[in-house]
Amino acid sequence: MIFPIHPGEILKNEFMEPLGLSANKLAAALKVPTNRLTGIVGGDRSITADTALRLSDAFGTTPEFWVGLQNHYNLEVARQKKRPKIERISAAA
Protein backbone atom coordinates (compact mmCIF):
# COMPACT_ATOMS: atom_id res chain seq x y z
CA MET A 1 0.00 0.00 0.00
CA ILE A 2 1.28 3.44 -0.92
CA PHE A 3 0.47 6.13 1.58
CA PRO A 4 -0.52 9.49 0.06
CA ILE A 5 1.35 12.60 1.13
CA HIS A 6 -0.71 14.90 3.31
CA PRO A 7 -0.59 18.56 2.19
CA GLY A 8 0.66 19.45 5.67
CA GLU A 9 3.86 17.56 4.94
CA ILE A 10 4.35 19.61 1.78
CA LEU A 11 3.60 22.81 3.69
CA LYS A 12 6.19 21.90 6.30
CA ASN A 13 8.95 20.55 4.04
CA GLU A 14 8.62 22.87 1.05
CA PHE A 15 7.50 26.14 2.62
CA MET A 16 7.98 26.36 6.37
CA GLU A 17 11.37 24.69 6.86
CA PRO A 18 13.18 26.54 4.04
CA LEU A 19 11.98 29.85 5.52
CA GLY A 20 12.65 28.83 9.12
CA LEU A 21 8.99 29.19 10.05
CA SER A 22 7.52 27.47 13.07
CA ALA A 23 3.83 26.68 13.32
CA ASN A 24 3.53 29.54 15.82
CA LYS A 25 5.14 32.08 13.48
CA LEU A 26 3.12 30.98 10.46
CA ALA A 27 -0.12 30.93 12.45
CA ALA A 28 0.55 34.48 13.61
CA ALA A 29 1.28 35.59 10.03
CA LEU A 30 -1.91 33.93 8.77
CA LYS A 31 -3.93 35.24 11.72
CA VAL A 32 -5.19 31.76 12.63
CA PRO A 33 -4.97 29.69 15.82
CA THR A 34 -1.72 27.75 16.18
CA ASN A 35 -3.62 24.49 16.60
CA ARG A 36 -4.98 24.88 13.06
CA LEU A 37 -1.43 24.90 11.68
CA THR A 38 -0.12 22.15 13.95
CA GLY A 39 -3.10 20.00 12.94
CA ILE A 40 -2.40 20.53 9.24
CA VAL A 41 1.35 19.98 9.56
CA GLY A 42 0.71 16.90 11.70
CA GLY A 43 -1.61 15.44 9.07
CA ASP A 44 -4.62 15.52 11.38
CA ARG A 45 -6.47 18.41 9.78
CA SER A 46 -7.45 19.35 6.23
CA ILE A 47 -6.61 22.55 4.41
CA THR A 48 -9.91 24.43 4.13
CA ALA A 49 -10.75 27.05 1.52
CA ASP A 50 -10.11 29.78 4.12
CA THR A 51 -6.69 28.38 4.97
CA ALA A 52 -5.89 27.94 1.27
CA LEU A 53 -6.62 31.62 0.67
CA ARG A 54 -4.38 32.64 3.57
CA LEU A 55 -1.54 30.33 2.53
CA SER A 56 -1.71 31.59 -1.05
CA ASP A 57 -1.41 35.17 0.15
CA ALA A 58 1.50 34.33 2.44
CA PHE A 59 3.51 32.25 -0.03
CA GLY A 60 2.56 33.78 -3.39
CA THR A 61 0.83 30.63 -4.59
CA THR A 62 -2.77 30.14 -5.61
CA PRO A 63 -5.56 28.88 -3.37
CA GLU A 64 -6.18 26.23 -6.03
CA PHE A 65 -2.70 24.86 -5.37
CA TRP A 66 -3.52 24.18 -1.71
CA VAL A 67 -7.06 22.94 -2.33
CA GLY A 68 -5.72 20.72 -5.12
CA LEU A 69 -3.18 19.14 -2.77
CA GLN A 70 -5.93 18.47 -0.24
CA ASN A 71 -8.33 17.06 -2.85
CA HIS A 72 -5.62 14.79 -4.25
CA TYR A 73 -4.85 13.50 -0.76
CA ASN A 74 -8.55 12.95 0.02
CA LEU A 75 -9.10 11.00 -3.21
CA GLU A 76 -6.05 8.79 -2.63
CA VAL A 77 -7.20 7.99 0.90
CA ALA A 78 -10.71 7.19 -0.39
CA ARG A 79 -9.34 4.95 -3.16
CA GLN A 80 -7.52 2.84 -0.59
CA LYS A 81 -10.62 2.22 1.52
CA LYS A 82 -12.80 -0.80 0.89
CA ARG A 83 -16.04 0.24 -0.75
CA PRO A 84 -18.93 -1.50 -2.49
CA LYS A 85 -18.79 -2.10 -6.23
CA ILE A 86 -20.95 0.42 -8.04
CA GLU A 87 -22.36 -0.49 -11.44
CA ARG A 88 -22.35 2.08 -14.20
CA ILE A 89 -25.75 3.64 -14.89
CA SER A 90 -26.94 3.62 -18.48
CA ALA A 91 -29.90 5.22 -20.18
CA ALA A 92 -33.15 3.27 -20.07
CA ALA A 93 -34.14 1.82 -23.45
PDB file of N, CA and C in Angstrom:
ATOM      1  N   MET A   1       0.846  -1.186   0.000  1.00  0.00           N
ATOM      2  CA  MET A   1       0.000   0.000   0.000  1.00  0.00           C
ATOM      3  C   MET A   1       0.891   1.249   0.000  1.00  0.00           C
ATOM      4  N   ILE A   2       0.566   2.168  -0.857  1.00  0.00           N
ATOM      5  CA  ILE A   2       1.284   3.441  -0.924  1.00  0.00           C
ATOM      6  C   ILE A   2       0.480   4.470  -0.147  1.00  0.00           C
ATOM      7  N   PHE A   3       1.148   5.133   0.771  1.00  0.00           N
ATOM      8  CA  PHE A   3       0.468   6.132   1.577  1.00  0.00           C
ATOM      9  C   PHE A   3       0.568   7.494   0.901  1.00  0.00           C
ATOM     10  N   PRO A   4      -0.558   8.164   0.684  1.00  0.00           N
ATOM     11  CA  PRO A   4      -0.522   9.488   0.056  1.00  0.00           C
ATOM     12  C   PRO A   4       0.145  10.510   0.973  1.00  0.00           C
ATOM     13  N   ILE A   5       0.688  11.536   0.373  1.00  0.00           N
ATOM     14  CA  ILE A   5       1.354  12.597   1.133  1.00  0.00           C
ATOM     15  C   ILE A   5       0.320  13.642   1.524  1.00  0.00           C
ATOM     16  N   HIS A   6       0.220  13.886   2.808  1.00  0.00           N
ATOM     17  CA  HIS A   6      -0.710  14.899   3.312  1.00  0.00           C
ATOM     18  C   HIS A   6      -0.173  16.280   2.931  1.00  0.00           C
ATOM     19  N   PRO A   7      -1.049  17.217   2.558  1.00  0.00           N
ATOM     20  CA  PRO A   7      -0.586  18.555   2.192  1.00  0.00           C
ATOM     21  C   PRO A   7       0.172  19.259   3.317  1.00  0.00           C
ATOM     22  N   GLY A   8      -0.086  18.868   4.556  1.00  0.00           N
ATOM     23  CA  GLY A   8       0.657  19.451   5.669  1.00  0.00           C
ATOM     24  C   GLY A   8       2.134  19.125   5.614  1.00  0.00           C
ATOM     25  N   GLU A   9       2.457  17.944   5.092  1.00  0.00           N
ATOM     26  CA  GLU A   9       3.860  17.559   4.940  1.00  0.00           C
ATOM     27  C   GLU A   9       4.531  18.435   3.886  1.00  0.00           C
ATOM     28  N   ILE A  10       3.819  18.730   2.820  1.00  0.00           N
ATOM     29  CA  ILE A  10       4.348  19.614   1.778  1.00  0.00           C
ATOM     30  C   ILE A  10       4.508  21.024   2.330  1.00  0.00           C
ATOM     31  N   LEU A  11       3.518  21.492   3.066  1.00  0.00           N
ATOM     32  CA  LEU A  11       3.598  22.810   3.692  1.00  0.00           C
ATOM     33  C   LEU A  11       4.846  22.901   4.570  1.00  0.00           C
ATOM     34  N   LYS A  12       5.051  21.901   5.386  1.00  0.00           N
ATOM     35  CA  LYS A  12       6.191  21.904   6.305  1.00  0.00           C
ATOM     36  C   LYS A  12       7.521  21.822   5.557  1.00  0.00           C
ATOM     37  N   ASN A  13       7.659  20.816   4.685  1.00  0.00           N
ATOM     38  CA  ASN A  13       8.948  20.551   4.044  1.00  0.00           C
ATOM     39  C   ASN A  13       9.319  21.542   2.952  1.00  0.00           C
ATOM     40  N   GLU A  14       8.336  22.014   2.208  1.00  0.00           N
ATOM     41  CA  GLU A  14       8.624  22.869   1.053  1.00  0.00           C
ATOM     42  C   GLU A  14       8.476  24.365   1.319  1.00  0.00           C
ATOM     43  N   PHE A  15       7.763  24.720   2.366  1.00  0.00           N
ATOM     44  CA  PHE A  15       7.504  26.137   2.616  1.00  0.00           C
ATOM     45  C   PHE A  15       8.002  26.596   3.979  1.00  0.00           C
ATOM     46  N   MET A  16       7.635  25.903   5.029  1.00  0.00           N
ATOM     47  CA  MET A  16       7.984  26.364   6.373  1.00  0.00           C
ATOM     48  C   MET A  16       9.469  26.172   6.691  1.00  0.00           C
ATOM     49  N   GLU A  17       9.973  24.961   6.504  1.00  0.00           N
ATOM     50  CA  GLU A  17      11.367  24.689   6.861  1.00  0.00           C
ATOM     51  C   GLU A  17      12.365  25.546   6.091  1.00  0.00           C
ATOM     52  N   PRO A  18      12.217  25.698   4.759  1.00  0.00           N
ATOM     53  CA  PRO A  18      13.181  26.542   4.042  1.00  0.00           C
ATOM     54  C   PRO A  18      13.193  27.999   4.522  1.00  0.00           C
ATOM     55  N   LEU A  19      12.065  28.471   5.039  1.00  0.00           N
ATOM     56  CA  LEU A  19      11.977  29.851   5.523  1.00  0.00           C
ATOM     57  C   LEU A  19      12.192  29.955   7.028  1.00  0.00           C
ATOM     58  N   GLY A  20      12.439  28.829   7.676  1.00  0.00           N
ATOM     59  CA  GLY A  20      12.652  28.833   9.120  1.00  0.00           C
ATOM     60  C   GLY A  20      11.412  29.213   9.906  1.00  0.00           C
ATOM     61  N   LEU A  21      10.250  28.840   9.394  1.00  0.00           N
ATOM     62  CA  LEU A  21       8.985  29.190  10.048  1.00  0.00           C
ATOM     63  C   LEU A  21       8.499  28.070  10.956  1.00  0.00           C
ATOM     64  N   SER A  22       8.183  28.409  12.169  1.00  0.00           N
ATOM     65  CA  SER A  22       7.525  27.468  13.074  1.00  0.00           C
ATOM     66  C   SER A  22       6.018  27.571  12.846  1.00  0.00           C
ATOM     67  N   ALA A  23       5.294  26.620  13.405  1.00  0.00           N
ATOM     68  CA  ALA A  23       3.832  26.681  13.319  1.00  0.00           C
ATOM     69  C   ALA A  23       3.317  27.940  14.006  1.00  0.00           C
ATOM     70  N   ASN A  24       3.940  28.321  15.106  1.00  0.00           N
ATOM     71  CA  ASN A  24       3.528  29.539  15.819  1.00  0.00           C
ATOM     72  C   ASN A  24       3.708  30.781  14.959  1.00  0.00           C
ATOM     73  N   LYS A  25       4.867  30.896  14.313  1.00  0.00           N
ATOM     74  CA  LYS A  25       5.136  32.076  13.477  1.00  0.00           C
ATOM     75  C   LYS A  25       4.201  32.138  12.275  1.00  0.00           C
ATOM     76  N   LEU A  26       4.000  30.985  11.631  1.00  0.00           N
ATOM     77  CA  LEU A  26       3.122  30.981  10.464  1.00  0.00           C
ATOM     78  C   LEU A  26       1.682  31.253  10.868  1.00  0.00           C
ATOM     79  N   ALA A  27       1.250  30.678  11.973  1.00  0.00           N
ATOM     80  CA  ALA A  27      -0.117  30.929  12.450  1.00  0.00           C
ATOM     81  C   ALA A  27      -0.328  32.412  12.719  1.00  0.00           C
ATOM     82  N   ALA A  28       0.656  33.046  13.334  1.00  0.00           N
ATOM     83  CA  ALA A  28       0.547  34.483  13.606  1.00  0.00           C
ATOM     84  C   ALA A  28       0.467  35.269  12.301  1.00  0.00           C
ATOM     85  N   ALA A  29       1.291  34.896  11.322  1.00  0.00           N
ATOM     86  CA  ALA A  29       1.284  35.595  10.034  1.00  0.00           C
ATOM     87  C   ALA A  29      -0.042  35.405   9.303  1.00  0.00           C
ATOM     88  N   LEU A  30      -0.630  34.224   9.440  1.00  0.00           N
ATOM     89  CA  LEU A  30      -1.905  33.935   8.774  1.00  0.00           C
ATOM     90  C   LEU A  30      -3.114  34.400   9.569  1.00  0.00           C
ATOM     91  N   LYS A  31      -2.856  34.811  10.821  1.00  0.00           N
ATOM     92  CA  LYS A  31      -3.930  35.244  11.724  1.00  0.00           C
ATOM     93  C   LYS A  31      -4.936  34.114  11.968  1.00  0.00           C
ATOM     94  N   VAL A  32      -4.380  32.935  12.292  1.00  0.00           N
ATOM     95  CA  VAL A  32      -5.194  31.763  12.627  1.00  0.00           C
ATOM     96  C   VAL A  32      -4.658  31.157  13.919  1.00  0.00           C
ATOM     97  N   PRO A  33      -5.465  30.359  14.607  1.00  0.00           N
ATOM     98  CA  PRO A  33      -4.974  29.694  15.815  1.00  0.00           C
ATOM     99  C   PRO A  33      -3.825  28.727  15.486  1.00  0.00           C
ATOM    100  N   THR A  34      -2.867  28.642  16.385  1.00  0.00           N
ATOM    101  CA  THR A  34      -1.724  27.753  16.177  1.00  0.00           C
ATOM    102  C   THR A  34      -2.163  26.309  15.994  1.00  0.00           C
ATOM    103  N   ASN A  35      -3.204  25.888  16.720  1.00  0.00           N
ATOM    104  CA  ASN A  35      -3.622  24.485  16.604  1.00  0.00           C
ATOM    105  C   ASN A  35      -4.130  24.148  15.202  1.00  0.00           C
ATOM    106  N   ARG A  36      -4.582  25.142  14.445  1.00  0.00           N
ATOM    107  CA  ARG A  36      -4.979  24.884  13.055  1.00  0.00           C
ATOM    108  C   ARG A  36      -3.750  24.464  12.249  1.00  0.00           C
ATOM    109  N   LEU A  37      -2.647  25.210  12.427  1.00  0.00           N
ATOM    110  CA  LEU A  37      -1.430  24.897  11.678  1.00  0.00           C
ATOM    111  C   LEU A  37      -0.787  23.606  12.150  1.00  0.00           C
ATOM    112  N   THR A  38      -0.728  23.392  13.453  1.00  0.00           N
ATOM    113  CA  THR A  38      -0.122  22.150  13.946  1.00  0.00           C
ATOM    114  C   THR A  38      -0.943  20.939  13.507  1.00  0.00           C
ATOM    115  N   GLY A  39      -2.252  21.088  13.429  1.00  0.00           N
ATOM    116  CA  GLY A  39      -3.099  20.002  12.936  1.00  0.00           C
ATOM    117  C   GLY A  39      -2.838  19.690  11.477  1.00  0.00           C
ATOM    118  N   ILE A  40      -2.680  20.726  10.664  1.00  0.00           N
ATOM    119  CA  ILE A  40      -2.400  20.533   9.239  1.00  0.00           C
ATOM    120  C   ILE A  40      -1.027  19.902   9.060  1.00  0.00           C
ATOM    121  N   VAL A  41      -0.022  20.483   9.698  1.00  0.00           N
ATOM    122  CA  VAL A  41       1.345  19.979   9.563  1.00  0.00           C
ATOM    123  C   VAL A  41       1.457  18.551  10.104  1.00  0.00           C
ATOM    124  N   GLY A  42       0.701  18.242  11.133  1.00  0.00           N
ATOM    125  CA  GLY A  42       0.711  16.897  11.698  1.00  0.00           C
ATOM    126  C   GLY A  42      -0.109  15.889  10.916  1.00  0.00           C
ATOM    127  N   GLY A  43      -0.811  16.345   9.892  1.00  0.00           N
ATOM    128  CA  GLY A  43      -1.610  15.442   9.068  1.00  0.00           C
ATOM    129  C   GLY A  43      -2.955  15.075   9.665  1.00  0.00           C
ATOM    130  N   ASP A  44      -3.363  15.819  10.692  1.00  0.00           N
ATOM    131  CA  ASP A  44      -4.622  15.519  11.377  1.00  0.00           C
ATOM    132  C   ASP A  44      -5.765  16.433  10.962  1.00  0.00           C
ATOM    133  N   ARG A  45      -5.464  17.420  10.149  1.00  0.00           N
ATOM    134  CA  ARG A  45      -6.468  18.415   9.779  1.00  0.00           C
ATOM    135  C   ARG A  45      -6.329  18.734   8.294  1.00  0.00           C
ATOM    136  N   SER A  46      -7.443  19.015   7.659  1.00  0.00           N
ATOM    137  CA  SER A  46      -7.448  19.347   6.231  1.00  0.00           C
ATOM    138  C   SER A  46      -7.202  20.831   6.013  1.00  0.00           C
ATOM    139  N   ILE A  47      -6.737  21.153   4.818  1.00  0.00           N
ATOM    140  CA  ILE A  47      -6.614  22.550   4.413  1.00  0.00           C
ATOM    141  C   ILE A  47      -7.972  22.975   3.867  1.00  0.00           C
ATOM    142  N   THR A  48      -8.598  23.912   4.550  1.00  0.00           N
ATOM    143  CA  THR A  48      -9.905  24.430   4.132  1.00  0.00           C
ATOM    144  C   THR A  48      -9.715  25.522   3.085  1.00  0.00           C
ATOM    145  N   ALA A  49     -10.812  25.955   2.491  1.00  0.00           N
ATOM    146  CA  ALA A  49     -10.754  27.052   1.524  1.00  0.00           C
ATOM    147  C   ALA A  49     -10.195  28.312   2.177  1.00  0.00           C
ATOM    148  N   ASP A  50     -10.613  28.598   3.407  1.00  0.00           N
ATOM    149  CA  ASP A  50     -10.113  29.775   4.116  1.00  0.00           C
ATOM    150  C   ASP A  50      -8.604  29.693   4.320  1.00  0.00           C
ATOM    151  N   THR A  51      -8.127  28.542   4.761  1.00  0.00           N
ATOM    152  CA  THR A  51      -6.688  28.380   4.970  1.00  0.00           C
ATOM    153  C   THR A  51      -5.945  28.445   3.647  1.00  0.00           C
ATOM    154  N   ALA A  52      -6.511  27.881   2.592  1.00  0.00           N
ATOM    155  CA  ALA A  52      -5.887  27.937   1.269  1.00  0.00           C
ATOM    156  C   ALA A  52      -5.717  29.379   0.804  1.00  0.00           C
ATOM    157  N   LEU A  53      -6.719  30.204   1.035  1.00  0.00           N
ATOM    158  CA  LEU A  53      -6.616  31.620   0.666  1.00  0.00           C
ATOM    159  C   LEU A  53      -5.499  32.304   1.447  1.00  0.00           C
ATOM    160  N   ARG A  54      -5.412  32.025   2.731  1.00  0.00           N
ATOM    161  CA  ARG A  54      -4.383  32.640   3.573  1.00  0.00           C
ATOM    162  C   ARG A  54      -2.982  32.163   3.171  1.00  0.00           C
ATOM    163  N   LEU A  55      -2.842  30.856   2.938  1.00  0.00           N
ATOM    164  CA  LEU A  55      -1.538  30.327   2.530  1.00  0.00           C
ATOM    165  C   LEU A  55      -1.107  30.896   1.181  1.00  0.00           C
ATOM    166  N   SER A  56      -2.048  31.042   0.266  1.00  0.00           N
ATOM    167  CA  SER A  56      -1.706  31.587  -1.049  1.00  0.00           C
ATOM    168  C   SER A  56      -1.242  33.031  -0.942  1.00  0.00           C
ATOM    169  N   ASP A  57      -1.865  33.799  -0.070  1.00  0.00           N
ATOM    170  CA  ASP A  57      -1.415  35.174   0.152  1.00  0.00           C
ATOM    171  C   ASP A  57      -0.016  35.197   0.755  1.00  0.00           C
ATOM    172  N   ALA A  58       0.226  34.328   1.724  1.00  0.00           N
ATOM    173  CA  ALA A  58       1.503  34.327   2.439  1.00  0.00           C
ATOM    174  C   ALA A  58       2.665  33.842   1.578  1.00  0.00           C
ATOM    175  N   PHE A  59       2.415  32.865   0.718  1.00  0.00           N
ATOM    176  CA  PHE A  59       3.512  32.255  -0.030  1.00  0.00           C
ATOM    177  C   PHE A  59       3.517  32.586  -1.519  1.00  0.00           C
ATOM    178  N   GLY A  60       2.579  33.403  -1.978  1.00  0.00           N
ATOM    179  CA  GLY A  60       2.564  33.780  -3.386  1.00  0.00           C
ATOM    180  C   GLY A  60       2.165  32.632  -4.304  1.00  0.00           C
ATOM    181  N   THR A  61       1.350  31.735  -3.782  1.00  0.00           N
ATOM    182  CA  THR A  61       0.833  30.630  -4.591  1.00  0.00           C
ATOM    183  C   THR A  61      -0.627  30.942  -4.902  1.00  0.00           C
ATOM    184  N   THR A  62      -1.337  29.961  -5.387  1.00  0.00           N
ATOM    185  CA  THR A  62      -2.773  30.145  -5.611  1.00  0.00           C
ATOM    186  C   THR A  62      -3.539  29.315  -4.583  1.00  0.00           C
ATOM    187  N   PRO A  63      -4.761  29.717  -4.261  1.00  0.00           N
ATOM    188  CA  PRO A  63      -5.560  28.878  -3.371  1.00  0.00           C
ATOM    189  C   PRO A  63      -5.849  27.516  -4.005  1.00  0.00           C
ATOM    190  N   GLU A  64      -5.937  27.488  -5.325  1.00  0.00           N
ATOM    191  CA  GLU A  64      -6.185  26.230  -6.028  1.00  0.00           C
ATOM    192  C   GLU A  64      -5.049  25.226  -5.808  1.00  0.00           C
ATOM    193  N   PHE A  65      -3.831  25.734  -5.661  1.00  0.00           N
ATOM    194  CA  PHE A  65      -2.696  24.855  -5.367  1.00  0.00           C
ATOM    195  C   PHE A  65      -2.944  24.085  -4.076  1.00  0.00           C
ATOM    196  N   TRP A  66      -3.319  24.800  -3.023  1.00  0.00           N
ATOM    197  CA  TRP A  66      -3.521  24.181  -1.712  1.00  0.00           C
ATOM    198  C   TRP A  66      -4.752  23.285  -1.684  1.00  0.00           C
ATOM    199  N   VAL A  67      -5.842  23.755  -2.283  1.00  0.00           N
ATOM    200  CA  VAL A  67      -7.060  22.944  -2.335  1.00  0.00           C
ATOM    201  C   VAL A  67      -6.817  21.702  -3.195  1.00  0.00           C
ATOM    202  N   GLY A  68      -6.055  21.864  -4.258  1.00  0.00           N
ATOM    203  CA  GLY A  68      -5.720  20.725  -5.115  1.00  0.00           C
ATOM    204  C   GLY A  68      -4.919  19.663  -4.380  1.00  0.00           C
ATOM    205  N   LEU A  69      -3.943  20.096  -3.576  1.00  0.00           N
ATOM    206  CA  LEU A  69      -3.180  19.143  -2.769  1.00  0.00           C
ATOM    207  C   LEU A  69      -4.101  18.382  -1.826  1.00  0.00           C
ATOM    208  N   GLN A  70      -5.017  19.110  -1.191  1.00  0.00           N
ATOM    209  CA  GLN A  70      -5.931  18.472  -0.244  1.00  0.00           C
ATOM    210  C   GLN A  70      -6.873  17.511  -0.955  1.00  0.00           C
ATOM    211  N   ASN A  71      -7.417  17.933  -2.097  1.00  0.00           N
ATOM    212  CA  ASN A  71      -8.329  17.063  -2.850  1.00  0.00           C
ATOM    213  C   ASN A  71      -7.623  15.797  -3.324  1.00  0.00           C
ATOM    214  N   HIS A  72      -6.395  15.949  -3.804  1.00  0.00           N
ATOM    215  CA  HIS A  72      -5.621  14.788  -4.252  1.00  0.00           C
ATOM    216  C   HIS A  72      -5.412  13.816  -3.094  1.00  0.00           C
ATOM    217  N   TYR A  73      -5.045  14.339  -1.948  1.00  0.00           N
ATOM    218  CA  TYR A  73      -4.852  13.503  -0.761  1.00  0.00           C
ATOM    219  C   TYR A  73      -6.154  12.784  -0.392  1.00  0.00           C
ATOM    220  N   ASN A  74      -7.253  13.533  -0.350  1.00  0.00           N
ATOM    221  CA  ASN A  74      -8.549  12.946   0.018  1.00  0.00           C
ATOM    222  C   ASN A  74      -8.951  11.819  -0.931  1.00  0.00           C
ATOM    223  N   LEU A  75      -8.745  12.029  -2.231  1.00  0.00           N
ATOM    224  CA  LEU A  75      -9.096  10.999  -3.214  1.00  0.00           C
ATOM    225  C   LEU A  75      -8.231   9.754  -3.050  1.00  0.00           C
ATOM    226  N   GLU A  76      -6.941   9.943  -2.812  1.00  0.00           N
ATOM    227  CA  GLU A  76      -6.053   8.794  -2.634  1.00  0.00           C
ATOM    228  C   GLU A  76      -6.429   7.994  -1.397  1.00  0.00           C
ATOM    229  N   VAL A  77      -6.764   8.675  -0.322  1.00  0.00           N
ATOM    230  CA  VAL A  77      -7.196   7.985   0.895  1.00  0.00           C
ATOM    231  C   VAL A  77      -8.487   7.217   0.618  1.00  0.00           C
ATOM    232  N   ALA A  78      -9.428   7.841  -0.078  1.00  0.00           N
ATOM    233  CA  ALA A  78     -10.708   7.191  -0.391  1.00  0.00           C
ATOM    234  C   ALA A  78     -10.516   5.976  -1.291  1.00  0.00           C
ATOM    235  N   ARG A  79      -9.592   6.071  -2.254  1.00  0.00           N
ATOM    236  CA  ARG A  79      -9.343   4.945  -3.159  1.00  0.00           C
ATOM    237  C   ARG A  79      -8.818   3.722  -2.414  1.00  0.00           C
ATOM    238  N   GLN A  80      -8.120   3.954  -1.326  1.00  0.00           N
ATOM    239  CA  GLN A  80      -7.521   2.843  -0.587  1.00  0.00           C
ATOM    240  C   GLN A  80      -8.490   2.188   0.394  1.00  0.00           C
ATOM    241  N   LYS A  81      -9.623   2.804   0.617  1.00  0.00           N
ATOM    242  CA  LYS A  81     -10.619   2.222   1.519  1.00  0.00           C
ATOM    243  C   LYS A  81     -11.472   1.209   0.763  1.00  0.00           C
ATOM    244  N   LYS A  82     -11.911   0.188   1.495  1.00  0.00           N
ATOM    245  CA  LYS A  82     -12.803  -0.799   0.892  1.00  0.00           C
ATOM    246  C   LYS A  82     -14.173  -0.158   0.707  1.00  0.00           C
ATOM    247  N   ARG A  83     -14.726  -0.331  -0.475  1.00  0.00           N
ATOM    248  CA  ARG A  83     -16.039   0.235  -0.751  1.00  0.00           C
ATOM    249  C   ARG A  83     -16.811  -0.717  -1.641  1.00  0.00           C
ATOM    250  N   PRO A  84     -18.123  -0.584  -1.667  1.00  0.00           N
ATOM    251  CA  PRO A  84     -18.927  -1.497  -2.491  1.00  0.00           C
ATOM    252  C   PRO A  84     -18.721  -1.217  -3.979  1.00  0.00           C
ATOM    253  N   LYS A  85     -18.894  -2.266  -4.778  1.00  0.00           N
ATOM    254  CA  LYS A  85     -18.794  -2.104  -6.230  1.00  0.00           C
ATOM    255  C   LYS A  85     -20.047  -1.384  -6.713  1.00  0.00           C
ATOM    256  N   ILE A  86     -19.847  -0.367  -7.492  1.00  0.00           N
ATOM    257  CA  ILE A  86     -20.951   0.422  -8.045  1.00  0.00           C
ATOM    258  C   ILE A  86     -21.009   0.159  -9.545  1.00  0.00           C
ATOM    259  N   GLU A  87     -22.168  -0.234 -10.013  1.00  0.00           N
ATOM    260  CA  GLU A  87     -22.358  -0.488 -11.442  1.00  0.00           C
ATOM    261  C   GLU A  87     -22.622   0.829 -12.163  1.00  0.00           C
ATOM    262  N   ARG A  88     -22.123   0.903 -13.385  1.00  0.00           N
ATOM    263  CA  ARG A  88     -22.346   2.085 -14.201  1.00  0.00           C
ATOM    264  C   ARG A  88     -23.819   2.185 -14.577  1.00  0.00           C
ATOM    265  N   ILE A  89     -24.349   3.395 -14.537  1.00  0.00           N
ATOM    266  CA  ILE A  89     -25.747   3.642 -14.894  1.00  0.00           C
ATOM    267  C   ILE A  89     -25.815   3.965 -16.381  1.00  0.00           C
ATOM    268  N   SER A  90     -26.757   3.323 -17.060  1.00  0.00           N
ATOM    269  CA  SER A  90     -26.937   3.618 -18.483  1.00  0.00           C
ATOM    270  C   SER A  90     -28.371   4.083 -18.715  1.00  0.00           C
ATOM    271  N   ALA A  91     -28.572   4.708 -19.847  1.00  0.00           N
ATOM    272  CA  ALA A  91     -29.902   5.224 -20.179  1.00  0.00           C
ATOM    273  C   ALA A  91     -30.883   4.065 -20.354  1.00  0.00           C
ATOM    274  N   ALA A  92     -32.100   4.285 -19.908  1.00  0.00           N
ATOM    275  CA  ALA A  92     -33.147   3.267 -20.068  1.00  0.00           C
ATOM    276  C   ALA A  92     -33.557   3.204 -21.529  1.00  0.00           C
ATOM    277  N   ALA A  93     -33.776   1.985 -22.033  1.00  0.00           N
ATOM    278  CA  ALA A  93     -34.145   1.817 -23.448  1.00  0.00           C
ATOM    279  C   ALA A  93     -35.630   1.936 -23.648  1.00  0.00           C
TER     280      ALA A  93
END
